[in-house]
Amino acid sequence: MRVSWGTRMHELLKPESDGELITLMFPIDDRDGGPPYKVSVADYEEVLHPWGFKATSIIDNELAVGHRKGCEKLGRWKRCL
């Protein structure tokens, strides 16, 4: 379903727009099974790069709480046309 998600993100941003895509990446860890199923920055890049999205910033989510602390990243993506 990740490829379908990447396609949908492309469709939601207007063509020729300078809009940004903001992602909350969770869970970034070594868990087995799910849901939620583990993801990585590379997983996001794999589905967003074909649509021209490049990361402008990927940082740890300092506002994460509880069991999510250390398992979330915030990503900012810009489509390079």
PDB file of N, CA and C in Angstrom:
ATOM      1  N   MET A   1       0.815  -1.197   0.000  1.00  0.00           N
ATOM      2  CA  MET A   1       0.000   0.000   0.000  1.00  0.00           C
ATOM      3  C   MET A   1       0.861   1.265   0.000  1.00  0.00           C
ATOM      4  N   ARG A   2       2.145   1.129   0.291  1.00  0.00           N
ATOM      5  CA  ARG A   2       3.000   2.313   0.362  1.00  0.00           C
ATOM      6  C   ARG A   2       3.131   2.999  -0.987  1.00  0.00           C
ATOM      7  N   VAL A   3       3.221   2.222  -2.057  1.00  0.00           N
ATOM      8  CA  VAL A   3       3.320   2.819  -3.398  1.00  0.00           C
ATOM      9  C   VAL A   3       2.049   3.616  -3.700  1.00  0.00           C
ATOM     10  N   SER A   4       0.897   3.060  -3.346  1.00  0.00           N
ATOM     11  CA  SER A   4      -0.375   3.770  -3.551  1.00  0.00           C
ATOM     12  C   SER A   4      -0.416   5.065  -2.748  1.00  0.00           C
ATOM     13  N   TRP A   5       0.119   5.033  -1.539  1.00  0.00           N
ATOM     14  CA  TRP A   5       0.177   6.235  -0.701  1.00  0.00           C
ATOM     15  C   TRP A   5       1.032   7.304  -1.383  1.00  0.00           C
ATOM     16  N   GLY A   6       2.214   6.925  -1.889  1.00  0.00           N
ATOM     17  CA  GLY A   6       3.088   7.871  -2.574  1.00  0.00           C
ATOM     18  C   GLY A   6       2.403   8.505  -3.772  1.00  0.00           C
ATOM     19  N   THR A   7       1.691   7.685  -4.523  1.00  0.00           N
ATOM     20  CA  THR A   7       0.949   8.186  -5.690  1.00  0.00           C
ATOM     21  C   THR A   7      -0.106   9.193  -5.248  1.00  0.00           C
ATOM     22  N   ARG A   8      -0.798   8.881  -4.176  1.00  0.00           N
ATOM     23  CA  ARG A   8      -1.857   9.777  -3.687  1.00  0.00           C
ATOM     24  C   ARG A   8      -1.283  11.111  -3.208  1.00  0.00           C
ATOM     25  N   MET A   9      -0.142  11.080  -2.551  1.00  0.00           N
ATOM     26  CA  MET A   9       0.486  12.331  -2.099  1.00  0.00           C
ATOM     27  C   MET A   9       0.828  13.205  -3.307  1.00  0.00           C
ATOM     28  N   HIS A  10       1.304  12.589  -4.366  1.00  0.00           N
ATOM     29  CA  HIS A  10       1.586  13.315  -5.609  1.00  0.00           C
ATOM     30  C   HIS A  10       0.308  13.943  -6.166  1.00  0.00           C
ATOM     31  N   GLU A  11      -0.782  13.190  -6.159  1.00  0.00           N
ATOM     32  CA  GLU A  11      -2.051  13.680  -6.708  1.00  0.00           C
ATOM     33  C   GLU A  11      -2.626  14.838  -5.894  1.00  0.00           C
ATOM     34  N   LEU A  12      -2.400  14.835  -4.589  1.00  0.00           N
ATOM     35  CA  LEU A  12      -2.987  15.854  -3.725  1.00  0.00           C
ATOM     36  C   LEU A  12      -2.321  17.221  -3.865  1.00  0.00           C
ATOM     37  N   LEU A  13      -1.044  17.251  -4.187  1.00  0.00           N
ATOM     38  CA  LEU A  13      -0.379  18.541  -4.398  1.00  0.00           C
ATOM     39  C   LEU A  13      -0.661  19.013  -5.812  1.00  0.00           C
ATOM     40  N   LYS A  14      -1.039  20.278  -5.946  1.00  0.00           N
ATOM     41  CA  LYS A  14      -1.344  20.829  -7.259  1.00  0.00           C
ATOM     42  C   LYS A  14      -0.134  20.714  -8.180  1.00  0.00           C
ATOM     43  N   PRO A  15      -0.375  20.414  -9.434  1.00  0.00           N
ATOM     44  CA  PRO A  15       0.747  20.426 -10.385  1.00  0.00           C
ATOM     45  C   PRO A  15       1.372  21.817 -10.429  1.00  0.00           C
ATOM     46  N   GLU A  16       2.669  21.862 -10.609  1.00  0.00           N
ATOM     47  CA  GLU A  16       3.405  23.127 -10.712  1.00  0.00           C
ATOM     48  C   GLU A  16       3.345  23.950  -9.429  1.00  0.00           C
ATOM     49  N   SER A  17       2.926  23.334  -8.310  1.00  0.00           N
ATOM     50  CA  SER A  17       2.843  24.101  -7.066  1.00  0.00           C
ATOM     51  C   SER A  17       4.168  24.013  -6.316  1.00  0.00           C
ATOM     52  N   ASP A  18       4.349  24.961  -5.399  1.00  0.00           N
ATOM     53  CA  ASP A  18       5.528  24.912  -4.558  1.00  0.00           C
ATOM     54  C   ASP A  18       5.157  24.422  -3.159  1.00  0.00           C
ATOM     55  N   GLY A  19       4.069  23.660  -3.087  1.00  0.00           N
ATOM     56  CA  GLY A  19       3.616  23.122  -1.816  1.00  0.00           C
ATOM     57  C   GLY A  19       4.600  22.117  -1.236  1.00  0.00           C
ATOM     58  N   GLU A  20       4.433  21.841   0.032  1.00  0.00           N
ATOM     59  CA  GLU A  20       5.277  20.882   0.728  1.00  0.00           C
ATOM     60  C   GLU A  20       4.425  19.749   1.269  1.00  0.00           C
ATOM     61  N   LEU A  21       5.056  18.619   1.428  1.00  0.00           N
ATOM     62  CA  LEU A  21       4.440  17.464   2.074  1.00  0.00           C
ATOM     63  C   LEU A  21       5.117  17.299   3.415  1.00  0.00           C
ATOM     64  N   ILE A  22       4.332  17.234   4.482  1.00  0.00           N
ATOM     65  CA  ILE A  22       4.856  17.021   5.830  1.00  0.00           C
ATOM     66  C   ILE A  22       4.438  15.615   6.255  1.00  0.00           C
ATOM     67  N   THR A  23       5.410  14.823   6.710  1.00  0.00           N
ATOM     68  CA  THR A  23       5.111  13.454   7.118  1.00  0.00           C
ATOM     69  C   THR A  23       5.526  13.233   8.563  1.00  0.00           C
ATOM     70  N   LEU A  24       4.723  12.462   9.278  1.00  0.00           N
ATOM     71  CA  LEU A  24       5.081  11.966  10.607  1.00  0.00           C
ATOM     72  C   LEU A  24       5.392  10.494  10.415  1.00  0.00           C
ATOM     73  N   MET A  25       6.660  10.155  10.511  1.00  0.00           N
ATOM     74  CA  MET A  25       7.106   8.785  10.253  1.00  0.00           C
ATOM     75  C   MET A  25       7.129   8.014  11.565  1.00  0.00           C
ATOM     76  N   PHE A  26       6.276   6.992  11.664  1.00  0.00           N
ATOM     77  CA  PHE A  26       6.156   6.176  12.871  1.00  0.00           C
ATOM     78  C   PHE A  26       5.683   4.800  12.468  1.00  0.00           C
ATOM     79  N   PRO A  27       6.195   3.774  13.046  1.00  0.00           N
ATOM     80  CA  PRO A  27       7.300   3.667  13.992  1.00  0.00           C
ATOM     81  C   PRO A  27       8.629   3.432  13.280  1.00  0.00           C
ATOM     82  N   ILE A  28       9.603   4.217  13.657  1.00  0.00           N
ATOM     83  CA  ILE A  28      10.976   4.048  13.174  1.00  0.00           C
ATOM     84  C   ILE A  28      11.683   3.244  14.265  1.00  0.00           C
ATOM     85  N   ASP A  29      11.620   1.934  14.177  1.00  0.00           N
ATOM     86  CA  ASP A  29      12.289   1.077  15.156  1.00  0.00           C
ATOM     87  C   ASP A  29      12.479  -0.318  14.559  1.00  0.00           C
ATOM     88  N   ASP A  30      12.872  -1.248  15.376  1.00  0.00           N
ATOM     89  CA  ASP A  30      13.183  -2.593  14.890  1.00  0.00           C
ATOM     90  C   ASP A  30      12.101  -3.615  15.218  1.00  0.00           C
ATOM     91  N   ARG A  31      10.881  -3.185  15.388  1.00  0.00           N
ATOM     92  CA  ARG A  31       9.815  -4.113  15.769  1.00  0.00           C
ATOM     93  C   ARG A  31       9.521  -5.116  14.661  1.00  0.00           C
ATOM     94  N   ASP A  32       9.000  -6.240  15.045  1.00  0.00           N
ATOM     95  CA  ASP A  32       8.499  -7.238  14.106  1.00  0.00           C
ATOM     96  C   ASP A  32       6.981  -7.218  14.168  1.00  0.00           C
ATOM     97  N   GLY A  33       6.357  -7.470  13.039  1.00  0.00           N
ATOM     98  CA  GLY A  33       4.898  -7.525  13.004  1.00  0.00           C
ATOM     99  C   GLY A  33       4.273  -6.151  13.062  1.00  0.00           C
ATOM    100  N   GLY A  34       3.006  -6.141  13.311  1.00  0.00           N
ATOM    101  CA  GLY A  34       2.249  -4.906  13.381  1.00  0.00           C
ATOM    102  C   GLY A  34       0.774  -5.224  13.220  1.00  0.00           C
ATOM    103  N   PRO A  35      -0.092  -4.328  13.085  1.00  0.00           N
ATOM    104  CA  PRO A  35       0.161  -2.908  12.922  1.00  0.00           C
ATOM    105  C   PRO A  35       0.468  -2.223  14.256  1.00  0.00           C
ATOM    106  N   PRO A  36       1.082  -1.086  14.236  1.00  0.00           N
ATOM    107  CA  PRO A  36       1.655  -0.447  13.065  1.00  0.00           C
ATOM    108  C   PRO A  36       2.940  -1.161  12.634  1.00  0.00           C
ATOM    109  N   TYR A  37       3.183  -1.176  11.340  1.00  0.00           N
ATOM    110  CA  TYR A  37       4.357  -1.824  10.780  1.00  0.00           C
ATOM    111  C   TYR A  37       5.511  -0.825  10.720  1.00  0.00           C
ATOM    112  N   LYS A  38       6.713  -1.310  11.005  1.00  0.00           N
ATOM    113  CA  LYS A  38       7.867  -0.412  11.028  1.00  0.00           C
ATOM    114  C   LYS A  38       8.115   0.208   9.654  1.00  0.00           C
ATOM    115  N   VAL A  39       8.649   1.404   9.682  1.00  0.00           N
ATOM    116  CA  VAL A  39       9.018   2.126   8.460  1.00  0.00           C
ATOM    117  C   VAL A  39      10.403   2.726   8.658  1.00  0.00           C
ATOM    118  N   SER A  40      10.979   3.157   7.571  1.00  0.00           N
ATOM    119  CA  SER A  40      12.271   3.832   7.623  1.00  0.00           C
ATOM    120  C   SER A  40      12.211   5.032   6.691  1.00  0.00           C
ATOM    121  N   VAL A  41      13.193   5.906   6.833  1.00  0.00           N
ATOM    122  CA  VAL A  41      13.292   7.038   5.921  1.00  0.00           C
ATOM    123  C   VAL A  41      13.427   6.508   4.497  1.00  0.00           C
ATOM    124  N   ALA A  42      14.191   5.442   4.319  1.00  0.00           N
ATOM    125  CA  ALA A  42      14.372   4.848   2.984  1.00  0.00           C
ATOM    126  C   ALA A  42      13.044   4.377   2.397  1.00  0.00           C
ATOM    127  N   ASP A  43      12.134   3.878   3.231  1.00  0.00           N
ATOM    128  CA  ASP A  43      10.808   3.464   2.738  1.00  0.00           C
ATOM    129  C   ASP A  43      10.054   4.652   2.155  1.00  0.00           C
ATOM    130  N   TYR A  44      10.127   5.794   2.827  1.00  0.00           N
ATOM    131  CA  TYR A  44       9.467   7.007   2.326  1.00  0.00           C
ATOM    132  C   TYR A  44      10.120   7.475   1.032  1.00  0.00           C
ATOM    133  N   GLU A  45      11.455   7.474   1.008  1.00  0.00           N
ATOM    134  CA  GLU A  45      12.168   7.899  -0.191  1.00  0.00           C
ATOM    135  C   GLU A  45      11.804   7.009  -1.381  1.00  0.00           C
ATOM    136  N   GLU A  46      11.678   5.729  -1.138  1.00  0.00           N
ATOM    137  CA  GLU A  46      11.367   4.780  -2.218  1.00  0.00           C
ATOM    138  C   GLU A  46      10.059   5.110  -2.922  1.00  0.00           C
ATOM    139  N   VAL A  47       9.059   5.561  -2.182  1.00  0.00           N
ATOM    140  CA  VAL A  47       7.758   5.847  -2.802  1.00  0.00           C
ATOM    141  C   VAL A  47       7.576   7.308  -3.192  1.00  0.00           C
ATOM    142  N   LEU A  48       8.384   8.203  -2.636  1.00  0.00           N
ATOM    143  CA  LEU A  48       8.233   9.623  -2.962  1.00  0.00           C
ATOM    144  C   LEU A  48       9.198  10.099  -4.041  1.00  0.00           C
ATOM    145  N   HIS A  49      10.392   9.556  -4.099  1.00  0.00           N
ATOM    146  CA  HIS A  49      11.364   9.995  -5.114  1.00  0.00           C
ATOM    147  C   HIS A  49      10.859   9.831  -6.545  1.00  0.00           C
ATOM    148  N   PRO A  50      10.168   8.730  -6.898  1.00  0.00           N
ATOM    149  CA  PRO A  50       9.687   8.619  -8.280  1.00  0.00           C
ATOM    150  C   PRO A  50       8.750   9.766  -8.691  1.00  0.00           C
ATOM    151  N   TRP A  51       8.128  10.407  -7.720  1.00  0.00           N
ATOM    152  CA  TRP A  51       7.220  11.525  -8.004  1.00  0.00           C
ATOM    153  C   TRP A  51       7.928  12.866  -7.906  1.00  0.00           C
ATOM    154  N   GLY A  52       9.234  12.840  -7.705  1.00  0.00           N
ATOM    155  CA  GLY A  52      10.000  14.083  -7.676  1.00  0.00           C
ATOM    156  C   GLY A  52      10.156  14.713  -6.306  1.00  0.00           C
ATOM    157  N   PHE A  53       9.685  14.049  -5.250  1.00  0.00           N
ATOM    158  CA  PHE A  53       9.817  14.596  -3.906  1.00  0.00           C
ATOM    159  C   PHE A  53      11.217  14.354  -3.371  1.00  0.00           C
ATOM    160  N   LYS A  54      11.796  15.396  -2.811  1.00  0.00           N
ATOM    161  CA  LYS A  54      13.089  15.304  -2.148  1.00  0.00           C
ATOM    162  C   LYS A  54      12.929  15.841  -0.731  1.00  0.00           C
ATOM    163  N   ALA A  55      13.550  15.170   0.222  1.00  0.00           N
ATOM    164  CA  ALA A  55      13.481  15.616   1.612  1.00  0.00           C
ATOM    165  C   ALA A  55      14.256  16.915   1.784  1.00  0.00           C
ATOM    166  N   THR A  56      13.624  17.893   2.412  1.00  0.00           N
ATOM    167  CA  THR A  56      14.330  19.129   2.755  1.00  0.00           C
ATOM    168  C   THR A  56      14.741  19.111   4.215  1.00  0.00           C
ATOM    169  N   SER A  57      14.076  18.265   5.001  1.00  0.00           N
ATOM    170  CA  SER A  57      14.392  18.158   6.426  1.00  0.00           C
ATOM    171  C   SER A  57      13.801  16.862   6.964  1.00  0.00           C
ATOM    172  N   ILE A  58      14.596  16.128   7.715  1.00  0.00           N
ATOM    173  CA  ILE A  58      14.100  14.962   8.444  1.00  0.00           C
ATOM    174  C   ILE A  58      14.737  15.025   9.830  1.00  0.00           C
ATOM    175  N   ILE A  59      13.878  15.198  10.842  1.00  0.00           N
ATOM    176  CA  ILE A  59      14.371  15.363  12.210  1.00  0.00           C
ATOM    177  C   ILE A  59      13.601  14.449  13.156  1.00  0.00           C
ATOM    178  N   ASP A  60      14.199  14.179  14.309  1.00  0.00           N
ATOM    179  CA  ASP A  60      13.480  13.440  15.344  1.00  0.00           C
ATOM    180  C   ASP A  60      12.342  14.305  15.856  1.00  0.00           C
ATOM    181  N   ASN A  61      11.209  13.677  16.144  1.00  0.00           N
ATOM    182  CA  ASN A  61      10.077  14.408  16.694  1.00  0.00           C
ATOM    183  C   ASN A  61      10.296  14.573  18.189  1.00  0.00           C
ATOM    184  N   GLU A  62      10.735  15.748  18.580  1.00  0.00           N
ATOM    185  CA  GLU A  62      11.028  16.031  19.987  1.00  0.00           C
ATOM    186  C   GLU A  62       9.769  16.120  20.844  1.00  0.00           C
ATOM    187  N   LEU A  63       8.586  16.216  20.200  1.00  0.00           N
ATOM    188  CA  LEU A  63       7.335  16.329  20.949  1.00  0.00           C
ATOM    189  C   LEU A  63       6.661  14.978  21.175  1.00  0.00           C
ATOM    190  N   ALA A  64       7.278  13.904  20.691  1.00  0.00           N
ATOM    191  CA  ALA A  64       6.704  12.567  20.886  1.00  0.00           C
ATOM    192  C   ALA A  64       6.641  12.249  22.379  1.00  0.00           C
ATOM    193  N   VAL A  65       5.617  11.511  22.762  1.00  0.00           N
ATOM    194  CA  VAL A  65       5.442  11.167  24.181  1.00  0.00           C
ATOM    195  C   VAL A  65       5.327   9.654  24.347  1.00  0.00           C
ATOM    196  N   GLY A  66       5.547   9.209  25.568  1.00  0.00           N
ATOM    197  CA  GLY A  66       5.366   7.807  25.912  1.00  0.00           C
ATOM    198  C   GLY A  66       6.201   6.883  25.054  1.00  0.00           C
ATOM    199  N   HIS A  67       5.583   5.765  24.643  1.00  0.00           N
ATOM    200  CA  HIS A  67       6.298   4.747  23.867  1.00  0.00           C
ATOM    201  C   HIS A  67       6.688   5.230  22.476  1.00  0.00           C
ATOM    202  N   ARG A  68       6.153   6.364  22.049  1.00  0.00           N
ATOM    203  CA  ARG A  68       6.483   6.904  20.724  1.00  0.00           C
ATOM    204  C   ARG A  68       7.791   7.697  20.731  1.00  0.00           C
ATOM    205  N   LYS A  69       8.256   8.085  21.912  1.00  0.00           N
ATOM    206  CA  LYS A  69       9.488   8.869  22.025  1.00  0.00           C
ATOM    207  C   LYS A  69      10.653   8.069  21.446  1.00  0.00           C
ATOM    208  N   GLY A  70      11.387   8.694  20.538  1.00  0.00           N
ATOM    209  CA  GLY A  70      12.521   8.039  19.891  1.00  0.00           C
ATOM    210  C   GLY A  70      12.145   7.170  18.704  1.00  0.00           C
ATOM    211  N   CYS A  71      10.845   7.065  18.419  1.00  0.00           N
ATOM    212  CA  CYS A  71      10.366   6.214  17.316  1.00  0.00           C
ATOM    213  C   CYS A  71       9.669   7.009  16.220  1.00  0.00           C
ATOM    214  N   GLU A  72       9.722   8.335  16.295  1.00  0.00           N
ATOM    215  CA  GLU A  72       9.056   9.182  15.310  1.00  0.00           C
ATOM    216  C   GLU A  72      10.040  10.165  14.692  1.00  0.00           C
ATOM    217  N   LYS A  73       9.834  10.444  13.423  1.00  0.00           N
ATOM    218  CA  LYS A  73      10.576  11.493  12.732  1.00  0.00           C
ATOM    219  C   LYS A  73       9.573  12.357  11.977  1.00  0.00           C
ATOM    220  N   LEU A  74       9.915  13.626  11.835  1.00  0.00           N
ATOM    221  CA  LEU A  74       9.134  14.556  11.026  1.00  0.00           C
ATOM    222  C   LEU A  74       9.898  14.806   9.736  1.00  0.00           C
ATOM    223  N   GLY A  75       9.214  14.653   8.625  1.00  0.00           N
ATOM    224  CA  GLY A  75       9.848  14.877   7.338  1.00  0.00           C
ATOM    225  C   GLY A  75       9.169  16.002   6.586  1.00  0.00           C
ATOM    226  N   ARG A  76       9.968  16.829   5.938  1.00  0.00           N
ATOM    227  CA  ARG A  76       9.461  17.864   5.028  1.00  0.00           C
ATOM    228  C   ARG A  76       9.979  17.518   3.643  1.00  0.00           C
ATOM    229  N   TRP A  77       9.076  17.471   2.692  1.00  0.00           N
ATOM    230  CA  TRP A  77       9.401  17.060   1.315  1.00  0.00           C
ATOM    231  C   TRP A  77       8.948  18.140   0.355  1.00  0.00           C
ATOM    232  N   LYS A  78       9.754  18.384  -0.616  1.00  0.00           N
ATOM    233  CA  LYS A  78       9.454  19.357  -1.664  1.00  0.00           C
ATOM    234  C   LYS A  78       9.501  18.630  -2.995  1.00  0.00           C
ATOM    235  N   ARG A  79       8.549  18.910  -3.849  1.00  0.00           N
ATOM    236  CA  ARG A  79       8.558  18.301  -5.171  1.00  0.00           C
ATOM    237  C   ARG A  79       9.434  19.142  -6.091  1.00  0.00           C
ATOM    238  N   CYS A  80      10.447  18.531  -6.651  1.00  0.00           N
ATOM    239  CA  CYS A  80      11.366  19.198  -7.580  1.00  0.00           C
ATOM    240  C   CYS A  80      10.860  18.960  -8.994  1.00  0.00           C
ATOM    241  N   LEU A  81      10.348  20.011  -9.603  1.00  0.00           N
ATOM    242  CA  LEU A  81       9.756  19.878 -10.928  1.00  0.00           C
ATOM    243  C   LEU A  81      10.771  20.119 -12.009  1.00  0.00           C
TER     244      LEU A  81
END
